[in-house]
Amino acid sequence: MEKIRKILKFAMRMEKNAKDFYEFYAEKDVSEETKRIFEELIEIEKEHFDILKKEYDKLGFAEAPLDISWVVDDNFKARDPHILADNSDMLQEVDVGVSDVSVMRMAYLIETDFWHFYDKAAQAVDEPEVKKLLTDLAEWEKQHSDMFYKKYLELLDKNLRDIKIILK
């Protein structure tokens, strides 16, 4: 049971961090389409967290999962997962298309990591109900991964075409 507790606790933190990522970058200088996708993912990650928390509570685990706040104090509130280096071109005024490529790639990697985590976690537990939950989450994350990868390739292709035009 300890393995299941640790898996669920880790999964809840992952889902919370992903929600924070999408919230943070939805407020940045990204295209309306990327903003819309991220706003949908914010709700999906909340749902995933709630599903995991419900199972966590149902199994009687008393310890609350770690909740990370980006609030420094009441005068300065920041929600910055600080995934990017301070000198990243995404933090400067740059072409939205380039920014979207970078953010979409990170979202793809996040969802791919989740997919692999849930798949491995499902293989590591014997409890049928928890195994099914983790398997379902793996399938959902695989769908997200595929969607972001497709969008990432579309954006990358568009930017590469734009570069070829500029280089002529």
N, C-alpha and C. Protein backbone atom coordinates (compact mmCIF):
# COMPACT_ATOMS: atom_id res chain seq x y z
N MET A 1 0.82 -1.20 0.00
CA MET A 1 0.00 0.00 0.00
C MET A 1 0.87 1.27 0.00
N GLU A 2 2.05 1.18 0.57
CA GLU A 2 2.95 2.33 0.61
C GLU A 2 3.35 2.74 -0.81
N LYS A 3 3.56 1.76 -1.67
CA LYS A 3 3.92 2.07 -3.06
C LYS A 3 2.79 2.86 -3.74
N ILE A 4 1.56 2.44 -3.52
CA ILE A 4 0.41 3.13 -4.11
C ILE A 4 0.31 4.55 -3.56
N ARG A 5 0.51 4.72 -2.26
CA ARG A 5 0.46 6.06 -1.66
C ARG A 5 1.49 6.97 -2.32
N LYS A 6 2.72 6.47 -2.47
CA LYS A 6 3.77 7.27 -3.07
C LYS A 6 3.48 7.60 -4.53
N ILE A 7 2.95 6.64 -5.27
CA ILE A 7 2.60 6.86 -6.67
C ILE A 7 1.53 7.94 -6.79
N LEU A 8 0.47 7.80 -5.99
CA LEU A 8 -0.61 8.78 -6.07
C LEU A 8 -0.16 10.17 -5.63
N LYS A 9 0.64 10.22 -4.58
CA LYS A 9 1.14 11.50 -4.10
C LYS A 9 2.02 12.17 -5.17
N PHE A 10 2.91 11.41 -5.77
CA PHE A 10 3.76 11.94 -6.83
C PHE A 10 2.92 12.39 -8.03
N ALA A 11 1.94 11.59 -8.39
CA ALA A 11 1.07 11.91 -9.54
C ALA A 11 0.30 13.21 -9.28
N MET A 12 -0.18 13.40 -8.06
CA MET A 12 -0.89 14.64 -7.76
C MET A 12 0.03 15.85 -7.89
N ARG A 13 1.25 15.71 -7.45
CA ARG A 13 2.21 16.82 -7.60
C ARG A 13 2.48 17.10 -9.07
N MET A 14 2.63 16.04 -9.87
CA MET A 14 2.86 16.22 -11.31
C MET A 14 1.70 16.99 -11.95
N GLU A 15 0.48 16.57 -11.63
CA GLU A 15 -0.69 17.20 -12.22
C GLU A 15 -0.80 18.67 -11.78
N LYS A 16 -0.50 18.94 -10.54
CA LYS A 16 -0.51 20.32 -10.03
C LYS A 16 0.55 21.15 -10.74
N ASN A 17 1.74 20.61 -10.89
CA ASN A 17 2.81 21.34 -11.58
C ASN A 17 2.45 21.60 -13.04
N ALA A 18 1.83 20.64 -13.69
CA ALA A 18 1.41 20.83 -15.08
C ALA A 18 0.37 21.93 -15.18
N LYS A 19 -0.60 21.91 -14.27
CA LYS A 19 -1.62 22.97 -14.25
C LYS A 19 -0.95 24.34 -14.08
N ASP A 20 0.01 24.43 -13.17
CA ASP A 20 0.75 25.69 -12.96
C ASP A 20 1.49 26.11 -14.23
N PHE A 21 2.10 25.15 -14.92
CA PHE A 21 2.81 25.43 -16.16
C PHE A 21 1.85 26.02 -17.19
N TYR A 22 0.71 25.35 -17.41
CA TYR A 22 -0.24 25.82 -18.41
C TYR A 22 -0.82 27.18 -18.03
N GLU A 23 -1.10 27.40 -16.74
CA GLU A 23 -1.61 28.70 -16.31
C GLU A 23 -0.58 29.80 -16.56
N PHE A 24 0.66 29.53 -16.22
CA PHE A 24 1.71 30.51 -16.38
C PHE A 24 1.89 30.90 -17.85
N TYR A 25 2.00 29.90 -18.73
CA TYR A 25 2.26 30.20 -20.14
C TYR A 25 1.02 30.63 -20.91
N ALA A 26 -0.16 30.34 -20.42
CA ALA A 26 -1.38 30.84 -21.06
C ALA A 26 -1.46 32.36 -20.92
N GLU A 27 -0.78 32.90 -19.91
CA GLU A 27 -0.78 34.35 -19.69
C GLU A 27 0.36 35.04 -20.43
N LYS A 28 1.22 34.29 -21.08
CA LYS A 28 2.37 34.87 -21.79
C LYS A 28 1.96 35.22 -23.22
N ASP A 29 2.94 35.73 -23.97
CA ASP A 29 2.70 36.17 -25.33
C ASP A 29 2.71 34.97 -26.27
N VAL A 30 1.61 34.21 -26.22
CA VAL A 30 1.45 33.06 -27.12
C VAL A 30 0.22 33.31 -27.98
N SER A 31 0.07 32.54 -29.02
CA SER A 31 -1.07 32.71 -29.92
C SER A 31 -2.37 32.40 -29.19
N GLU A 32 -3.46 32.88 -29.75
CA GLU A 32 -4.78 32.62 -29.17
C GLU A 32 -5.08 31.12 -29.16
N GLU A 33 -4.63 30.41 -30.18
CA GLU A 33 -4.86 28.96 -30.23
C GLU A 33 -4.12 28.25 -29.10
N THR A 34 -2.86 28.62 -28.88
CA THR A 34 -2.10 28.02 -27.79
C THR A 34 -2.73 28.36 -26.45
N LYS A 35 -3.14 29.61 -26.30
CA LYS A 35 -3.80 30.05 -25.06
C LYS A 35 -5.06 29.21 -24.82
N ARG A 36 -5.85 28.99 -25.86
CA ARG A 36 -7.09 28.21 -25.75
C ARG A 36 -6.78 26.76 -25.35
N ILE A 37 -5.79 26.17 -26.01
CA ILE A 37 -5.40 24.79 -25.68
C ILE A 37 -4.96 24.70 -24.23
N PHE A 38 -4.15 25.65 -23.79
CA PHE A 38 -3.66 25.63 -22.41
C PHE A 38 -4.79 25.82 -21.42
N GLU A 39 -5.75 26.68 -21.74
CA GLU A 39 -6.89 26.88 -20.83
C GLU A 39 -7.69 25.59 -20.69
N GLU A 40 -7.84 24.84 -21.77
CA GLU A 40 -8.50 23.54 -21.68
C GLU A 40 -7.69 22.57 -20.83
N LEU A 41 -6.38 22.58 -21.03
CA LEU A 41 -5.51 21.67 -20.27
C LEU A 41 -5.48 22.01 -18.79
N ILE A 42 -5.63 23.28 -18.45
CA ILE A 42 -5.70 23.67 -17.04
C ILE A 42 -6.84 22.93 -16.37
N GLU A 43 -7.99 22.93 -17.02
CA GLU A 43 -9.16 22.23 -16.47
C GLU A 43 -8.94 20.72 -16.42
N ILE A 44 -8.33 20.17 -17.46
CA ILE A 44 -8.07 18.73 -17.50
C ILE A 44 -7.11 18.33 -16.38
N GLU A 45 -6.05 19.11 -16.18
CA GLU A 45 -5.09 18.78 -15.12
C GLU A 45 -5.75 18.88 -13.75
N LYS A 46 -6.65 19.85 -13.56
CA LYS A 46 -7.41 19.94 -12.31
C LYS A 46 -8.24 18.67 -12.11
N GLU A 47 -8.89 18.22 -13.19
CA GLU A 47 -9.70 16.99 -13.11
C GLU A 47 -8.83 15.79 -12.76
N HIS A 48 -7.66 15.68 -13.39
CA HIS A 48 -6.76 14.57 -13.09
C HIS A 48 -6.35 14.62 -11.62
N PHE A 49 -6.00 15.81 -11.13
CA PHE A 49 -5.63 15.95 -9.72
C PHE A 49 -6.78 15.49 -8.83
N ASP A 50 -8.00 15.95 -9.14
CA ASP A 50 -9.16 15.60 -8.31
C ASP A 50 -9.43 14.10 -8.32
N ILE A 51 -9.27 13.46 -9.47
CA ILE A 51 -9.46 12.01 -9.56
C ILE A 51 -8.44 11.29 -8.69
N LEU A 52 -7.19 11.72 -8.78
CA LEU A 52 -6.12 11.11 -7.97
C LEU A 52 -6.35 11.37 -6.48
N LYS A 53 -6.75 12.58 -6.13
CA LYS A 53 -6.99 12.93 -4.73
C LYS A 53 -8.14 12.11 -4.17
N LYS A 54 -9.17 11.91 -4.98
CA LYS A 54 -10.32 11.11 -4.54
C LYS A 54 -9.87 9.68 -4.21
N GLU A 55 -9.05 9.10 -5.08
CA GLU A 55 -8.53 7.74 -4.84
C GLU A 55 -7.61 7.74 -3.61
N TYR A 56 -6.78 8.75 -3.49
CA TYR A 56 -5.86 8.90 -2.35
C TYR A 56 -6.65 8.91 -1.04
N ASP A 57 -7.70 9.74 -1.01
CA ASP A 57 -8.55 9.84 0.18
C ASP A 57 -9.31 8.54 0.43
N LYS A 58 -9.83 7.94 -0.63
CA LYS A 58 -10.60 6.70 -0.51
C LYS A 58 -9.77 5.58 0.11
N LEU A 59 -8.49 5.56 -0.22
CA LEU A 59 -7.61 4.53 0.32
C LEU A 59 -7.16 4.85 1.75
N GLY A 60 -7.60 5.99 2.27
CA GLY A 60 -7.36 6.33 3.66
C GLY A 60 -6.00 6.92 3.97
N PHE A 61 -5.34 7.46 2.98
CA PHE A 61 -4.05 8.09 3.23
C PHE A 61 -4.30 9.45 3.87
N ALA A 62 -3.72 9.65 5.04
CA ALA A 62 -4.01 10.85 5.83
C ALA A 62 -3.12 12.03 5.46
N GLU A 63 -1.91 11.77 5.05
CA GLU A 63 -0.96 12.84 4.76
C GLU A 63 -1.38 13.58 3.49
N ALA A 64 -1.52 14.89 3.62
CA ALA A 64 -1.92 15.70 2.46
C ALA A 64 -0.75 15.79 1.48
N PRO A 65 -1.04 15.75 0.18
CA PRO A 65 0.05 15.88 -0.79
C PRO A 65 0.66 17.27 -0.74
N LEU A 66 1.92 17.35 -1.06
CA LEU A 66 2.65 18.61 -1.07
C LEU A 66 2.02 19.55 -2.08
N ASP A 67 1.78 20.78 -1.64
CA ASP A 67 1.23 21.80 -2.52
C ASP A 67 2.24 22.93 -2.56
N ILE A 68 2.76 23.22 -3.74
CA ILE A 68 3.77 24.25 -3.91
C ILE A 68 3.08 25.55 -4.31
N SER A 69 3.40 26.60 -3.60
CA SER A 69 2.86 27.91 -3.92
C SER A 69 3.98 28.79 -4.45
N TRP A 70 3.65 29.55 -5.46
CA TRP A 70 4.64 30.47 -6.03
C TRP A 70 4.49 31.85 -5.42
N VAL A 71 3.67 31.99 -4.39
CA VAL A 71 3.48 33.28 -3.74
C VAL A 71 4.65 33.52 -2.79
N VAL A 72 5.36 34.60 -3.00
CA VAL A 72 6.52 34.93 -2.18
C VAL A 72 6.07 35.65 -0.92
N ASP A 73 5.25 36.68 -1.04
CA ASP A 73 4.66 37.37 0.11
C ASP A 73 3.42 38.11 -0.39
N ASP A 74 2.74 38.80 0.51
CA ASP A 74 1.49 39.46 0.13
C ASP A 74 1.70 40.62 -0.83
N ASN A 75 2.88 41.22 -0.82
CA ASN A 75 3.16 42.36 -1.69
C ASN A 75 3.63 41.94 -3.07
N PHE A 76 4.24 40.76 -3.17
CA PHE A 76 4.76 40.29 -4.44
C PHE A 76 4.27 38.87 -4.67
N LYS A 77 3.33 38.74 -5.57
CA LYS A 77 2.80 37.42 -5.86
C LYS A 77 3.28 37.01 -7.24
N ALA A 78 3.93 35.88 -7.31
CA ALA A 78 4.47 35.41 -8.58
C ALA A 78 4.12 33.96 -8.77
N ARG A 79 3.70 33.64 -9.95
CA ARG A 79 3.44 32.25 -10.29
C ARG A 79 4.40 31.91 -11.39
N ASP A 80 5.60 31.53 -11.03
CA ASP A 80 6.65 31.28 -11.99
C ASP A 80 7.29 29.93 -11.71
N PRO A 81 6.94 28.91 -12.46
CA PRO A 81 7.55 27.60 -12.23
C PRO A 81 9.04 27.59 -12.57
N HIS A 82 9.53 28.68 -13.11
CA HIS A 82 10.94 28.88 -13.44
C HIS A 82 11.52 27.68 -14.19
N ILE A 83 10.81 27.27 -15.20
CA ILE A 83 11.25 26.17 -16.05
C ILE A 83 12.32 26.66 -17.02
N LEU A 84 12.24 27.93 -17.39
CA LEU A 84 13.17 28.47 -18.38
C LEU A 84 14.27 29.27 -17.70
N ALA A 85 15.41 29.30 -18.32
CA ALA A 85 16.51 30.13 -17.82
C ALA A 85 16.13 31.60 -17.94
N ASP A 86 16.72 32.43 -17.08
CA ASP A 86 16.39 33.85 -17.09
C ASP A 86 16.69 34.51 -18.43
N ASN A 87 17.64 34.00 -19.18
CA ASN A 87 17.99 34.61 -20.46
C ASN A 87 17.28 33.94 -21.64
N SER A 88 16.26 33.15 -21.37
CA SER A 88 15.54 32.48 -22.45
C SER A 88 14.86 33.50 -23.35
N ASP A 89 14.89 33.22 -24.65
CA ASP A 89 14.23 34.13 -25.59
C ASP A 89 12.72 34.16 -25.40
N MET A 90 12.18 33.16 -24.70
CA MET A 90 10.73 33.14 -24.47
C MET A 90 10.32 34.19 -23.45
N LEU A 91 11.24 34.67 -22.64
CA LEU A 91 10.91 35.67 -21.63
C LEU A 91 11.07 37.09 -22.18
N GLN A 92 11.59 37.20 -23.36
CA GLN A 92 11.75 38.50 -24.00
C GLN A 92 10.64 38.69 -25.01
N GLU A 93 10.57 39.86 -25.56
CA GLU A 93 9.59 40.13 -26.62
C GLU A 93 10.08 39.43 -27.88
N VAL A 94 9.44 38.34 -28.26
CA VAL A 94 9.84 37.60 -29.45
C VAL A 94 8.62 37.30 -30.29
N ASP A 95 8.87 36.83 -31.47
CA ASP A 95 7.80 36.42 -32.35
C ASP A 95 6.97 35.35 -31.68
N VAL A 96 5.64 35.53 -31.71
CA VAL A 96 4.74 34.58 -31.06
C VAL A 96 4.93 33.17 -31.61
N GLY A 97 5.15 33.02 -32.89
CA GLY A 97 5.31 31.70 -33.48
C GLY A 97 6.48 30.94 -32.89
N VAL A 98 7.59 31.62 -32.70
CA VAL A 98 8.76 30.97 -32.11
C VAL A 98 8.47 30.59 -30.67
N SER A 99 7.84 31.49 -29.93
CA SER A 99 7.47 31.20 -28.55
C SER A 99 6.55 30.00 -28.48
N ASP A 100 5.57 29.95 -29.35
CA ASP A 100 4.63 28.82 -29.37
C ASP A 100 5.35 27.50 -29.62
N VAL A 101 6.34 27.50 -30.51
CA VAL A 101 7.09 26.28 -30.78
C VAL A 101 7.75 25.78 -29.50
N SER A 102 8.41 26.66 -28.78
CA SER A 102 9.11 26.28 -27.56
C SER A 102 8.15 25.79 -26.48
N VAL A 103 7.08 26.54 -26.27
CA VAL A 103 6.11 26.18 -25.23
C VAL A 103 5.40 24.87 -25.60
N MET A 104 5.07 24.72 -26.86
CA MET A 104 4.38 23.49 -27.30
C MET A 104 5.29 22.28 -27.13
N ARG A 105 6.57 22.45 -27.39
CA ARG A 105 7.53 21.36 -27.20
C ARG A 105 7.61 20.97 -25.72
N MET A 106 7.65 21.96 -24.85
CA MET A 106 7.69 21.66 -23.41
C MET A 106 6.42 20.96 -22.96
N ALA A 107 5.28 21.41 -23.48
CA ALA A 107 4.01 20.76 -23.12
C ALA A 107 4.01 19.31 -23.61
N TYR A 108 4.51 19.08 -24.81
CA TYR A 108 4.63 17.71 -25.34
C TYR A 108 5.48 16.85 -24.42
N LEU A 109 6.61 17.38 -23.99
CA LEU A 109 7.51 16.62 -23.12
C LEU A 109 6.87 16.33 -21.76
N ILE A 110 6.15 17.30 -21.22
CA ILE A 110 5.46 17.10 -19.95
C ILE A 110 4.46 15.96 -20.08
N GLU A 111 3.62 16.03 -21.09
CA GLU A 111 2.58 15.01 -21.26
C GLU A 111 3.17 13.64 -21.57
N THR A 112 4.27 13.61 -22.32
CA THR A 112 4.95 12.35 -22.61
C THR A 112 5.51 11.74 -21.34
N ASP A 113 6.12 12.56 -20.49
CA ASP A 113 6.61 12.08 -19.20
C ASP A 113 5.47 11.51 -18.36
N PHE A 114 4.33 12.20 -18.34
CA PHE A 114 3.18 11.73 -17.57
C PHE A 114 2.71 10.37 -18.10
N TRP A 115 2.62 10.27 -19.42
CA TRP A 115 2.18 9.02 -20.04
C TRP A 115 3.08 7.87 -19.60
N HIS A 116 4.39 8.06 -19.70
CA HIS A 116 5.33 7.00 -19.31
C HIS A 116 5.26 6.70 -17.82
N PHE A 117 5.13 7.75 -17.00
CA PHE A 117 5.02 7.54 -15.56
C PHE A 117 3.80 6.69 -15.22
N TYR A 118 2.63 7.09 -15.74
CA TYR A 118 1.40 6.35 -15.43
C TYR A 118 1.45 4.93 -15.96
N ASP A 119 2.04 4.73 -17.12
CA ASP A 119 2.17 3.39 -17.69
C ASP A 119 3.04 2.51 -16.78
N LYS A 120 4.19 3.03 -16.36
CA LYS A 120 5.08 2.26 -15.48
C LYS A 120 4.44 2.04 -14.11
N ALA A 121 3.76 3.07 -13.60
CA ALA A 121 3.11 2.96 -12.29
C ALA A 121 2.01 1.90 -12.33
N ALA A 122 1.25 1.86 -13.41
CA ALA A 122 0.19 0.85 -13.54
C ALA A 122 0.78 -0.57 -13.54
N GLN A 123 1.94 -0.73 -14.14
CA GLN A 123 2.59 -2.03 -14.17
C GLN A 123 3.15 -2.42 -12.79
N ALA A 124 3.38 -1.42 -11.95
CA ALA A 124 4.02 -1.66 -10.65
C ALA A 124 3.04 -1.98 -9.53
N VAL A 125 1.72 -1.84 -9.78
CA VAL A 125 0.75 -2.10 -8.71
C VAL A 125 -0.12 -3.30 -9.06
N ASP A 126 -0.60 -3.95 -8.01
CA ASP A 126 -1.47 -5.12 -8.19
C ASP A 126 -2.94 -4.81 -7.91
N GLU A 127 -3.21 -3.79 -7.15
CA GLU A 127 -4.58 -3.39 -6.79
C GLU A 127 -5.35 -3.05 -8.07
N PRO A 128 -6.38 -3.85 -8.43
CA PRO A 128 -7.07 -3.68 -9.73
C PRO A 128 -7.65 -2.28 -9.96
N GLU A 129 -8.26 -1.70 -8.95
CA GLU A 129 -8.89 -0.39 -9.13
C GLU A 129 -7.84 0.69 -9.38
N VAL A 130 -6.75 0.64 -8.65
CA VAL A 130 -5.67 1.61 -8.82
C VAL A 130 -4.99 1.39 -10.16
N LYS A 131 -4.78 0.13 -10.53
CA LYS A 131 -4.17 -0.20 -11.82
C LYS A 131 -5.01 0.36 -12.97
N LYS A 132 -6.33 0.22 -12.87
CA LYS A 132 -7.21 0.74 -13.92
C LYS A 132 -7.13 2.26 -13.98
N LEU A 133 -7.15 2.92 -12.82
CA LEU A 133 -7.03 4.37 -12.79
C LEU A 133 -5.74 4.82 -13.46
N LEU A 134 -4.64 4.20 -13.11
CA LEU A 134 -3.34 4.58 -13.67
C LEU A 134 -3.27 4.28 -15.17
N THR A 135 -3.86 3.18 -15.58
CA THR A 135 -3.91 2.83 -17.00
C THR A 135 -4.73 3.85 -17.78
N ASP A 136 -5.88 4.24 -17.22
CA ASP A 136 -6.71 5.27 -17.86
C ASP A 136 -5.95 6.59 -17.98
N LEU A 137 -5.28 6.98 -16.91
CA LEU A 137 -4.50 8.21 -16.94
C LEU A 137 -3.39 8.13 -17.99
N ALA A 138 -2.75 6.98 -18.09
CA ALA A 138 -1.70 6.80 -19.11
C ALA A 138 -2.28 7.01 -20.51
N GLU A 139 -3.46 6.46 -20.76
CA GLU A 139 -4.10 6.62 -22.07
C GLU A 139 -4.45 8.07 -22.35
N TRP A 140 -4.97 8.77 -21.35
CA TRP A 140 -5.32 10.18 -21.52
C TRP A 140 -4.06 11.01 -21.80
N GLU A 141 -3.01 10.74 -21.04
CA GLU A 141 -1.77 11.50 -21.23
C GLU A 141 -1.15 11.20 -22.59
N LYS A 142 -1.29 9.98 -23.07
CA LYS A 142 -0.80 9.62 -24.41
C LYS A 142 -1.53 10.45 -25.46
N GLN A 143 -2.84 10.61 -25.29
CA GLN A 143 -3.61 11.44 -26.21
C GLN A 143 -3.13 12.89 -26.18
N HIS A 144 -2.86 13.41 -24.97
CA HIS A 144 -2.35 14.78 -24.85
C HIS A 144 -0.97 14.89 -25.52
N SER A 145 -0.13 13.91 -25.27
CA SER A 145 1.21 13.89 -25.85
C SER A 145 1.13 13.92 -27.38
N ASP A 146 0.29 13.06 -27.94
CA ASP A 146 0.12 13.01 -29.39
C ASP A 146 -0.39 14.34 -29.95
N MET A 147 -1.35 14.95 -29.25
CA MET A 147 -1.89 16.23 -29.70
C MET A 147 -0.81 17.30 -29.70
N PHE A 148 -0.03 17.39 -28.60
CA PHE A 148 1.01 18.41 -28.53
C PHE A 148 2.12 18.14 -29.54
N TYR A 149 2.45 16.89 -29.76
CA TYR A 149 3.50 16.59 -30.73
C TYR A 149 3.07 17.01 -32.13
N LYS A 150 1.83 16.72 -32.47
CA LYS A 150 1.31 17.11 -33.79
C LYS A 150 1.33 18.63 -33.93
N LYS A 151 0.88 19.32 -32.89
CA LYS A 151 0.85 20.78 -32.94
C LYS A 151 2.27 21.35 -32.99
N TYR A 152 3.17 20.76 -32.21
CA TYR A 152 4.57 21.17 -32.22
C TYR A 152 5.17 21.04 -33.62
N LEU A 153 4.95 19.90 -34.28
CA LEU A 153 5.48 19.69 -35.63
C LEU A 153 4.89 20.68 -36.63
N GLU A 154 3.59 20.97 -36.49
CA GLU A 154 2.95 21.96 -37.38
C GLU A 154 3.60 23.32 -37.21
N LEU A 155 3.79 23.74 -35.96
CA LEU A 155 4.40 25.04 -35.69
C LEU A 155 5.86 25.09 -36.15
N LEU A 156 6.58 24.01 -35.90
CA LEU A 156 7.98 23.94 -36.33
C LEU A 156 8.07 24.02 -37.84
N ASP A 157 7.23 23.28 -38.53
CA ASP A 157 7.22 23.29 -39.99
C ASP A 157 6.91 24.69 -40.51
N LYS A 158 5.92 25.34 -39.91
CA LYS A 158 5.56 26.70 -40.33
C LYS A 158 6.74 27.65 -40.13
N ASN A 159 7.40 27.56 -38.99
CA ASN A 159 8.54 28.44 -38.72
C ASN A 159 9.71 28.15 -39.66
N LEU A 160 9.95 26.88 -39.96
CA LEU A 160 11.03 26.54 -40.88
C LEU A 160 10.74 27.05 -42.28
N ARG A 161 9.48 26.96 -42.68
CA ARG A 161 9.10 27.53 -43.98
C ARG A 161 9.31 29.03 -44.00
N ASP A 162 8.95 29.68 -42.90
CA ASP A 162 9.14 31.13 -42.79
C ASP A 162 10.62 31.48 -42.87
N ILE A 163 11.45 30.71 -42.25
CA ILE A 163 12.90 30.96 -42.27
C ILE A 163 13.43 30.80 -43.68
N LYS A 164 12.97 29.77 -44.40
CA LYS A 164 13.44 29.58 -45.77
C LYS A 164 13.07 30.78 -46.64
N ILE A 165 11.90 31.32 -46.40
CA ILE A 165 11.48 32.51 -47.16
C ILE A 165 12.39 33.68 -46.82
N ILE A 166 12.70 33.86 -45.58
CA ILE A 166 13.57 34.95 -45.15
C ILE A 166 14.98 34.79 -45.69
N LEU A 167 15.47 33.56 -45.75
CA LEU A 167 16.83 33.31 -46.18
C LEU A 167 17.00 33.45 -47.70
N LYS A 168 15.96 33.46 -48.47
CA LYS A 168 16.07 33.56 -49.94
C LYS A 168 16.50 34.91 -50.39
